[in-house]
Amino acid sequence: MQHLDGNALAGALAEFLSFDVTTAIARCNGCGATDEFARAIVFTSPAGTVVRCPSCDHVLATLVESGDRAWLGFSGVSAIEVRRG
């Protein structure tokens, strides 16, 4: 399956988060690596979006949308660093 980089998350998550998630730094639960979401590996399909760690391929986050609802999961992230200002 072909994948995109983490910049593909900008539009999908902008509706739910008040900051640009692509500039946030996430720590992977799988390997402990820290990197910007923009560098993540993103797979999209009609069923949803899966975001994987660029270092170890661990699932960082998922996004599933259906009609007027959305489910965001960040189970593979132990921390997210967001810069203010």
Protein backbone atom coordinates (compact mmCIF):
# COMPACT_ATOMS: atom_id res chain seq x y z
CA MET A 1 0.00 0.00 0.00
CA GLN A 2 1.36 3.41 -0.92
CA HIS A 3 1.79 5.87 1.94
CA LEU A 4 2.02 9.63 2.41
CA ASP A 5 4.13 11.65 4.82
CA GLY A 6 2.79 13.23 8.01
CA ASN A 7 1.90 16.47 6.25
CA ALA A 8 -1.19 14.61 5.02
CA LEU A 9 -2.54 14.93 8.58
CA ALA A 10 -2.75 18.73 8.44
CA GLY A 11 -6.15 18.92 6.79
CA ALA A 12 -7.66 15.87 8.45
CA LEU A 13 -6.80 16.89 12.03
CA ALA A 14 -7.13 20.68 11.67
CA GLU A 15 -10.86 20.30 12.23
CA PHE A 16 -10.30 18.75 15.68
CA LEU A 17 -7.12 20.34 17.07
CA SER A 18 -6.40 24.04 17.64
CA PHE A 19 -2.77 23.71 16.58
CA ASP A 20 -0.99 22.43 13.49
CA VAL A 21 -0.36 18.81 14.40
CA THR A 22 2.31 18.44 11.71
CA THR A 23 4.63 20.72 13.73
CA ALA A 24 4.03 18.89 17.02
CA ILE A 25 6.67 16.43 18.22
CA ALA A 26 5.51 12.97 19.25
CA ARG A 27 7.31 10.30 21.28
CA CYS A 28 6.68 6.78 20.00
CA ASN A 29 5.56 4.17 22.52
CA GLY A 30 7.22 1.48 20.42
CA CYS A 31 10.82 2.69 20.19
CA GLY A 32 10.95 5.96 22.14
CA ALA A 33 11.93 8.00 19.09
CA THR A 34 10.77 11.63 18.99
CA ASP A 35 9.99 13.38 15.74
CA GLU A 36 7.56 15.81 14.15
CA PHE A 37 4.25 14.33 13.02
CA ALA A 38 5.13 15.72 9.58
CA ARG A 39 7.78 12.99 9.27
CA ALA A 40 5.37 10.16 10.18
CA ILE A 41 4.23 7.59 7.64
CA VAL A 42 0.54 7.95 6.85
CA PHE A 43 -1.72 5.36 5.24
CA THR A 44 -5.18 6.44 4.17
CA SER A 45 -8.11 4.32 3.02
CA PRO A 46 -11.89 4.62 3.01
CA ALA A 47 -11.87 2.88 6.42
CA GLY A 48 -9.63 5.53 8.01
CA THR A 49 -6.11 6.86 8.49
CA VAL A 50 -3.23 5.10 10.21
CA VAL A 51 -0.12 7.04 11.27
CA ARG A 52 3.07 5.03 11.79
CA CYS A 53 6.43 5.86 13.38
CA PRO A 54 9.10 6.55 10.72
CA SER A 55 11.71 4.83 12.91
CA CYS A 56 10.05 1.52 13.89
CA ASP A 57 6.70 1.38 12.02
CA HIS A 58 4.72 1.25 15.31
CA VAL A 59 1.17 2.65 15.01
CA LEU A 60 1.21 6.17 16.50
CA ALA A 61 -2.32 7.31 15.80
CA THR A 62 -5.55 6.49 14.00
CA LEU A 63 -8.38 8.59 12.62
CA VAL A 64 -11.75 7.17 11.65
CA GLU A 65 -14.54 9.40 10.36
CA SER A 66 -18.17 8.49 9.77
CA GLY A 67 -20.80 11.08 8.99
CA ASP A 68 -20.98 13.59 11.84
CA ARG A 69 -18.53 11.68 14.12
CA ALA A 70 -14.81 11.07 14.27
CA TRP A 71 -12.62 8.87 16.46
CA LEU A 72 -9.04 9.96 17.15
CA GLY A 73 -6.62 7.52 18.75
CA PHE A 74 -3.11 8.36 19.91
CA SER A 75 -2.45 5.07 21.69
CA GLY A 76 1.03 4.74 20.20
CA VAL A 77 2.21 8.14 21.44
CA SER A 78 3.49 8.60 24.99
CA ALA A 79 3.79 12.40 24.73
CA ILE A 80 3.12 15.22 22.29
CA GLU A 81 5.17 18.42 22.45
CA VAL A 82 3.36 21.51 21.15
CA ARG A 83 5.22 24.79 20.83
CA ARG A 84 3.39 27.90 21.95
CA GLY A 85 3.29 31.08 19.95
